[in-house]
Amino acid sequence: MAIRVINDQLLAPLTTLEVGGAAEAFVRATSESQIIEALWYAQREQLDVTILGGGSNSLVADAGVSGLVVQPAIKGRTVNASDDQVSVEVGAGEIWDDLVAWSVADGLCGLEALSGIPGWVGAAPMQNIGAYGQDVASTVDAVRVVHRGRGRAEWIPANDLQFSYRMSAFKGVWRDQFVITAVRFRLRR
């Protein structure tokens, strides 16, 4: 499905603070291919790119955002289990707290202390979210990304993500290089 570019999209309703102006151009991408197409569009039109997830940690200026705002709203969850280990691949646009509630209801361990944290799954490894002595780094197996410069998708293993307290390579050395499309977690029964 082709992307739909919306000009002058008001961003306030897409953030939890509900303040701020409009994006010059906006794409809500519901697939990895739409993210790649949006990045190509921005390159072709010579637009800066801003990524906006669920908007829980975002403050938009009243003047708005110039360039293209891409919202990676990819949904879906795939589960693969073997013995007591469970691999769960989750789209970046899934609501974080819904994932935690599902995992608890399904008898899976690893995310339960991270309940109540706002935002989408894609932001979890970027910020290495945490609470009550637990952080998401302990459960991340790999992160699926699209390279912003090359438009190529790949999995990056957790060992390469340079996790530390509320930090990852996505906020540090890789800042603005990737768009997170999915996260694979290692959970236990």
C-alpha atoms as a PDB file:
ATOM      1  CA  MET A   1       0.000   0.000   0.000  1.00  0.00           C
ATOM      2  CA  ALA A   2       1.386   3.405  -0.982  1.00  0.00           C
ATOM      3  CA  ILE A   3       2.015   6.115   1.584  1.00  0.00           C
ATOM      4  CA  ARG A   4      -0.390   8.985   2.092  1.00  0.00           C
ATOM      5  CA  VAL A   5       1.411  12.279   2.696  1.00  0.00           C
ATOM      6  CA  ILE A   6      -0.682  14.731   4.709  1.00  0.00           C
ATOM      7  CA  ASN A   7       0.348  18.391   4.600  1.00  0.00           C
ATOM      8  CA  ASP A   8      -0.085  20.562   7.708  1.00  0.00           C
ATOM      9  CA  GLN A   9      -1.066  17.639   9.966  1.00  0.00           C
ATOM     10  CA  LEU A  10      -1.756  18.969  13.474  1.00  0.00           C
ATOM     11  CA  LEU A  11       0.543  17.051  15.860  1.00  0.00           C
ATOM     12  CA  ALA A  12      -1.034  18.052  19.202  1.00  0.00           C
ATOM     13  CA  PRO A  13      -3.630  15.235  19.099  1.00  0.00           C
ATOM     14  CA  LEU A  14      -0.794  12.738  18.503  1.00  0.00           C
ATOM     15  CA  THR A  15       0.999  13.568  21.761  1.00  0.00           C
ATOM     16  CA  THR A  16       0.002  13.007  25.379  1.00  0.00           C
ATOM     17  CA  LEU A  17       0.524  16.692  26.255  1.00  0.00           C
ATOM     18  CA  GLU A  18      -1.781  17.636  23.344  1.00  0.00           C
ATOM     19  CA  VAL A  19       0.046  20.865  22.531  1.00  0.00           C
ATOM     20  CA  GLY A  20       1.983  22.069  19.528  1.00  0.00           C
ATOM     21  CA  GLY A  21       1.639  22.949  15.897  1.00  0.00           C
ATOM     22  CA  ALA A  22       1.509  21.066  12.642  1.00  0.00           C
ATOM     23  CA  ALA A  23       3.946  18.978  10.637  1.00  0.00           C
ATOM     24  CA  GLU A  24       4.846  20.394   7.233  1.00  0.00           C
ATOM     25  CA  ALA A  25       4.277  16.863   5.905  1.00  0.00           C
ATOM     26  CA  PHE A  26       3.178  13.735   7.779  1.00  0.00           C
ATOM     27  CA  VAL A  27       3.051  10.005   7.047  1.00  0.00           C
ATOM     28  CA  ARG A  28       1.494   7.404   9.316  1.00  0.00           C
ATOM     29  CA  ALA A  29       3.345   4.253   8.196  1.00  0.00           C
ATOM     30  CA  THR A  30       1.664   0.939   8.973  1.00  0.00           C
ATOM     31  CA  SER A  31       4.307  -1.268   7.351  1.00  0.00           C
ATOM     32  CA  GLU A  32       8.052  -1.420   6.920  1.00  0.00           C
ATOM     33  CA  SER A  33       7.663  -0.812   3.186  1.00  0.00           C
ATOM     34  CA  GLN A  34       5.707   2.381   3.902  1.00  0.00           C
ATOM     35  CA  ILE A  35       8.518   3.604   6.156  1.00  0.00           C
ATOM     36  CA  ILE A  36      11.028   2.966   3.377  1.00  0.00           C
ATOM     37  CA  GLU A  37       8.779   4.756   0.874  1.00  0.00           C
ATOM     38  CA  ALA A  38       8.370   7.728   3.263  1.00  0.00           C
ATOM     39  CA  LEU A  39      12.149   7.994   3.671  1.00  0.00           C
ATOM     40  CA  TRP A  40      12.596   7.931  -0.118  1.00  0.00           C
ATOM     41  CA  TYR A  41       9.908  10.593  -0.458  1.00  0.00           C
ATOM     42  CA  ALA A  42      11.721  12.821   2.072  1.00  0.00           C
ATOM     43  CA  GLN A  43      15.010  12.306   0.249  1.00  0.00           C
ATOM     44  CA  ARG A  44      13.453  13.124  -3.124  1.00  0.00           C
ATOM     45  CA  GLU A  45      11.720  16.230  -1.747  1.00  0.00           C
ATOM     46  CA  GLN A  46      14.799  17.220   0.305  1.00  0.00           C
ATOM     47  CA  LEU A  47      12.870  17.195   3.581  1.00  0.00           C
ATOM     48  CA  ASP A  48      14.303  16.628   7.035  1.00  0.00           C
ATOM     49  CA  VAL A  49      12.748  13.611   8.773  1.00  0.00           C
ATOM     50  CA  THR A  50      11.412  13.495  12.325  1.00  0.00           C
ATOM     51  CA  ILE A  51      10.156  10.247  13.864  1.00  0.00           C
ATOM     52  CA  LEU A  52       7.134  10.437  16.182  1.00  0.00           C
ATOM     53  CA  GLY A  53       5.992   7.349  18.048  1.00  0.00           C
ATOM     54  CA  GLY A  54       3.094   7.426  20.477  1.00  0.00           C
ATOM     55  CA  GLY A  55       3.945  10.961  21.537  1.00  0.00           C
ATOM     56  CA  SER A  56       4.251  10.248  25.264  1.00  0.00           C
ATOM     57  CA  ASN A  57       7.722  11.756  25.528  1.00  0.00           C
ATOM     58  CA  SER A  58       7.294  14.470  22.902  1.00  0.00           C
ATOM     59  CA  LEU A  59       6.758  18.187  23.095  1.00  0.00           C
ATOM     60  CA  VAL A  60       5.923  19.932  19.825  1.00  0.00           C
ATOM     61  CA  ALA A  61       6.528  23.668  19.458  1.00  0.00           C
ATOM     62  CA  ASP A  62       3.570  25.861  18.534  1.00  0.00           C
ATOM     63  CA  ALA A  63       5.427  26.652  15.299  1.00  0.00           C
ATOM     64  CA  GLY A  64       5.200  22.962  14.393  1.00  0.00           C
ATOM     65  CA  VAL A  65       7.798  20.763  12.703  1.00  0.00           C
ATOM     66  CA  SER A  66       9.359  21.469   9.328  1.00  0.00           C
ATOM     67  CA  GLY A  67      10.039  18.587   6.984  1.00  0.00           C
ATOM     68  CA  LEU A  68       8.423  15.157   7.116  1.00  0.00           C
ATOM     69  CA  VAL A  69       7.161  13.585  10.339  1.00  0.00           C
ATOM     70  CA  VAL A  70       6.944   9.788  10.081  1.00  0.00           C
ATOM     71  CA  GLN A  71       4.909   7.836  12.605  1.00  0.00           C
ATOM     72  CA  PRO A  72       5.890   4.123  12.539  1.00  0.00           C
ATOM     73  CA  ALA A  73       2.459   2.738  13.495  1.00  0.00           C
ATOM     74  CA  ILE A  74       3.242  -0.901  12.698  1.00  0.00           C
ATOM     75  CA  LYS A  75       0.981  -3.307  14.569  1.00  0.00           C
ATOM     76  CA  GLY A  76       1.155  -7.027  15.199  1.00  0.00           C
ATOM     77  CA  ARG A  77       2.604  -9.655  17.473  1.00  0.00           C
ATOM     78  CA  THR A  78       4.156 -13.012  16.583  1.00  0.00           C
ATOM     79  CA  VAL A  79       4.882 -15.640  19.233  1.00  0.00           C
ATOM     80  CA  ASN A  80       7.338 -18.553  18.952  1.00  0.00           C
ATOM     81  CA  ALA A  81       7.716 -20.827  21.955  1.00  0.00           C
ATOM     82  CA  SER A  82      10.095 -23.631  22.843  1.00  0.00           C
ATOM     83  CA  ASP A  83       9.952 -25.222  26.300  1.00  0.00           C
ATOM     84  CA  ASP A  84       9.863 -22.380  28.816  1.00  0.00           C
ATOM     85  CA  GLN A  85      11.417 -19.774  26.465  1.00  0.00           C
ATOM     86  CA  VAL A  86       9.121 -17.576  24.396  1.00  0.00           C
ATOM     87  CA  SER A  87      10.172 -15.243  21.596  1.00  0.00           C
ATOM     88  CA  VAL A  88       7.706 -12.434  20.924  1.00  0.00           C
ATOM     89  CA  GLU A  89       8.112 -10.127  17.926  1.00  0.00           C
ATOM     90  CA  VAL A  90       6.063  -6.950  18.282  1.00  0.00           C
ATOM     91  CA  GLY A  91       5.402  -4.085  15.866  1.00  0.00           C
ATOM     92  CA  ALA A  92       6.803  -0.688  16.859  1.00  0.00           C
ATOM     93  CA  GLY A  93       3.321   0.871  16.874  1.00  0.00           C
ATOM     94  CA  GLU A  94       1.831  -1.413  19.510  1.00  0.00           C
ATOM     95  CA  ILE A  95       0.998   0.264  22.828  1.00  0.00           C
ATOM     96  CA  TRP A  96       3.633  -0.712  25.393  1.00  0.00           C
ATOM     97  CA  ASP A  97       1.274  -1.197  28.348  1.00  0.00           C
ATOM     98  CA  ASP A  98      -1.045  -3.373  26.238  1.00  0.00           C
ATOM     99  CA  LEU A  99       1.929  -5.649  25.486  1.00  0.00           C
ATOM    100  CA  VAL A 100       2.775  -5.890  29.187  1.00  0.00           C
ATOM    101  CA  ALA A 101      -0.854  -6.682  30.095  1.00  0.00           C
ATOM    102  CA  TRP A 102      -1.021  -9.351  27.376  1.00  0.00           C
ATOM    103  CA  SER A 103       2.250 -10.961  28.513  1.00  0.00           C
ATOM    104  CA  VAL A 104       1.074 -11.131  32.141  1.00  0.00           C
ATOM    105  CA  ALA A 105      -2.341 -12.525  31.144  1.00  0.00           C
ATOM    106  CA  ASP A 106      -0.565 -15.151  29.010  1.00  0.00           C
ATOM    107  CA  GLY A 107       1.658 -16.201  31.931  1.00  0.00           C
ATOM    108  CA  LEU A 108       4.890 -14.773  30.496  1.00  0.00           C
ATOM    109  CA  CYS A 109       7.637 -13.305  32.691  1.00  0.00           C
ATOM    110  CA  GLY A 110      10.018 -10.501  31.905  1.00  0.00           C
ATOM    111  CA  LEU A 111       7.936  -7.384  31.283  1.00  0.00           C
ATOM    112  CA  GLU A 112       5.642  -7.302  34.321  1.00  0.00           C
ATOM    113  CA  ALA A 113       7.595  -4.641  36.276  1.00  0.00           C
ATOM    114  CA  LEU A 114       7.367  -2.329  33.268  1.00  0.00           C
ATOM    115  CA  SER A 115       3.603  -1.902  33.482  1.00  0.00           C
ATOM    116  CA  GLY A 116       2.263   1.633  33.400  1.00  0.00           C
ATOM    117  CA  ILE A 117       5.023   3.082  31.231  1.00  0.00           C
ATOM    118  CA  PRO A 118       3.399   5.146  28.488  1.00  0.00           C
ATOM    119  CA  GLY A 119       4.333   4.964  24.825  1.00  0.00           C
ATOM    120  CA  TRP A 120       4.748   2.514  22.010  1.00  0.00           C
ATOM    121  CA  VAL A 121       6.912  -0.588  21.743  1.00  0.00           C
ATOM    122  CA  GLY A 122       9.328   1.064  19.291  1.00  0.00           C
ATOM    123  CA  ALA A 123      10.437   3.575  21.919  1.00  0.00           C
ATOM    124  CA  ALA A 124      11.170   0.912  24.552  1.00  0.00           C
ATOM    125  CA  PRO A 125      14.638  -0.133  23.337  1.00  0.00           C
ATOM    126  CA  MET A 126      15.537   3.377  22.220  1.00  0.00           C
ATOM    127  CA  GLN A 127      15.191   4.703  25.760  1.00  0.00           C
ATOM    128  CA  ASN A 128      15.855   1.418  27.553  1.00  0.00           C
ATOM    129  CA  ILE A 129      12.692   2.022  29.553  1.00  0.00           C
ATOM    130  CA  GLY A 130      12.632   0.730  33.090  1.00  0.00           C
ATOM    131  CA  ALA A 131      10.993   0.677  36.507  1.00  0.00           C
ATOM    132  CA  TYR A 132      11.389  -1.063  39.852  1.00  0.00           C
ATOM    133  CA  GLY A 133      14.935  -2.211  39.167  1.00  0.00           C
ATOM    134  CA  GLN A 134      14.144  -3.734  35.780  1.00  0.00           C
ATOM    135  CA  ASP A 135      14.818  -2.357  32.329  1.00  0.00           C
ATOM    136  CA  VAL A 136      13.767  -3.533  28.905  1.00  0.00           C
ATOM    137  CA  ALA A 137      17.371  -4.386  27.930  1.00  0.00           C
ATOM    138  CA  SER A 138      17.072  -7.592  29.961  1.00  0.00           C
ATOM    139  CA  THR A 139      14.358  -8.898  27.625  1.00  0.00           C
ATOM    140  CA  VAL A 140      15.282  -7.483  24.195  1.00  0.00           C
ATOM    141  CA  ASP A 141      16.669 -10.111  21.824  1.00  0.00           C
ATOM    142  CA  ALA A 142      16.895  -7.921  18.711  1.00  0.00           C
ATOM    143  CA  VAL A 143      15.463  -4.780  17.157  1.00  0.00           C
ATOM    144  CA  ARG A 144      14.218  -4.521  13.571  1.00  0.00           C
ATOM    145  CA  VAL A 145      15.183  -1.239  11.936  1.00  0.00           C
ATOM    146  CA  VAL A 146      15.172   0.588   8.639  1.00  0.00           C
ATOM    147  CA  HIS A 147      18.398   2.460   7.954  1.00  0.00           C
ATOM    148  CA  ARG A 148      17.344   6.039   7.217  1.00  0.00           C
ATOM    149  CA  GLY A 149      20.135   6.727   4.725  1.00  0.00           C
ATOM    150  CA  ARG A 150      19.978   3.491   2.762  1.00  0.00           C
ATOM    151  CA  GLY A 151      16.345   2.422   3.125  1.00  0.00           C
ATOM    152  CA  ARG A 152      17.458  -1.102   4.062  1.00  0.00           C
ATOM    153  CA  ALA A 153      15.786  -3.171   6.802  1.00  0.00           C
ATOM    154  CA  GLU A 154      17.716  -5.408   9.172  1.00  0.00           C
ATOM    155  CA  TRP A 155      17.701  -6.977  12.620  1.00  0.00           C
ATOM    156  CA  ILE A 156      20.221  -5.621  15.128  1.00  0.00           C
ATOM    157  CA  PRO A 157      21.025  -8.019  18.012  1.00  0.00           C
ATOM    158  CA  ALA A 158      20.676  -6.718  21.564  1.00  0.00           C
ATOM    159  CA  ASN A 159      24.416  -7.113  22.192  1.00  0.00           C
ATOM    160  CA  ASP A 160      25.077  -4.345  19.644  1.00  0.00           C
ATOM    161  CA  LEU A 161      22.643  -1.837  21.167  1.00  0.00           C
ATOM    162  CA  GLN A 162      24.956  -0.461  23.888  1.00  0.00           C
ATOM    163  CA  PHE A 163      22.254  -0.476  26.546  1.00  0.00           C
ATOM    164  CA  SER A 164      22.863   1.503  29.722  1.00  0.00           C
ATOM    165  CA  TYR A 165      20.642   3.383  32.164  1.00  0.00           C
ATOM    166  CA  ARG A 166      17.809   4.886  30.031  1.00  0.00           C
ATOM    167  CA  MET A 167      20.128   4.845  27.048  1.00  0.00           C
ATOM    168  CA  SER A 168      20.905   2.884  23.901  1.00  0.00           C
ATOM    169  CA  ALA A 169      22.944   3.353  20.746  1.00  0.00           C
ATOM    170  CA  PHE A 170      19.739   4.686  19.129  1.00  0.00           C
ATOM    171  CA  LYS A 171      19.919   7.776  21.372  1.00  0.00           C
ATOM    172  CA  GLY A 172      23.716   7.965  21.244  1.00  0.00           C
ATOM    173  CA  VAL A 173      26.081   7.020  18.418  1.00  0.00           C
ATOM    174  CA  TRP A 174      23.223   5.983  16.085  1.00  0.00           C
ATOM    175  CA  ARG A 175      20.995   9.008  16.724  1.00  0.00           C
ATOM    176  CA  ASP A 176      18.790   9.700  13.663  1.00  0.00           C
ATOM    177  CA  GLN A 177      20.246   6.779  11.676  1.00  0.00           C
ATOM    178  CA  PHE A 178      17.419   4.227  12.057  1.00  0.00           C
ATOM    179  CA  VAL A 179      13.661   3.884  12.310  1.00  0.00           C
ATOM    180  CA  ILE A 180      12.606   1.079  14.657  1.00  0.00           C
ATOM    181  CA  THR A 181       9.908  -1.110  13.085  1.00  0.00           C
ATOM    182  CA  ALA A 182       9.714  -4.076  15.493  1.00  0.00           C
ATOM    183  CA  VAL A 183      11.249  -5.495  18.649  1.00  0.00           C
ATOM    184  CA  ARG A 184      11.858  -9.154  19.470  1.00  0.00           C
ATOM    185  CA  PHE A 185      11.709 -10.040  23.175  1.00  0.00           C
ATOM    186  CA  ARG A 186      12.912 -13.134  25.084  1.00  0.00           C
ATOM    187  CA  LEU A 187      10.349 -14.002  27.737  1.00  0.00           C
ATOM    188  CA  ARG A 188       9.839 -16.987  30.056  1.00  0.00           C
ATOM    189  CA  ARG A 189       6.763 -18.974  30.995  1.00  0.00           C
END
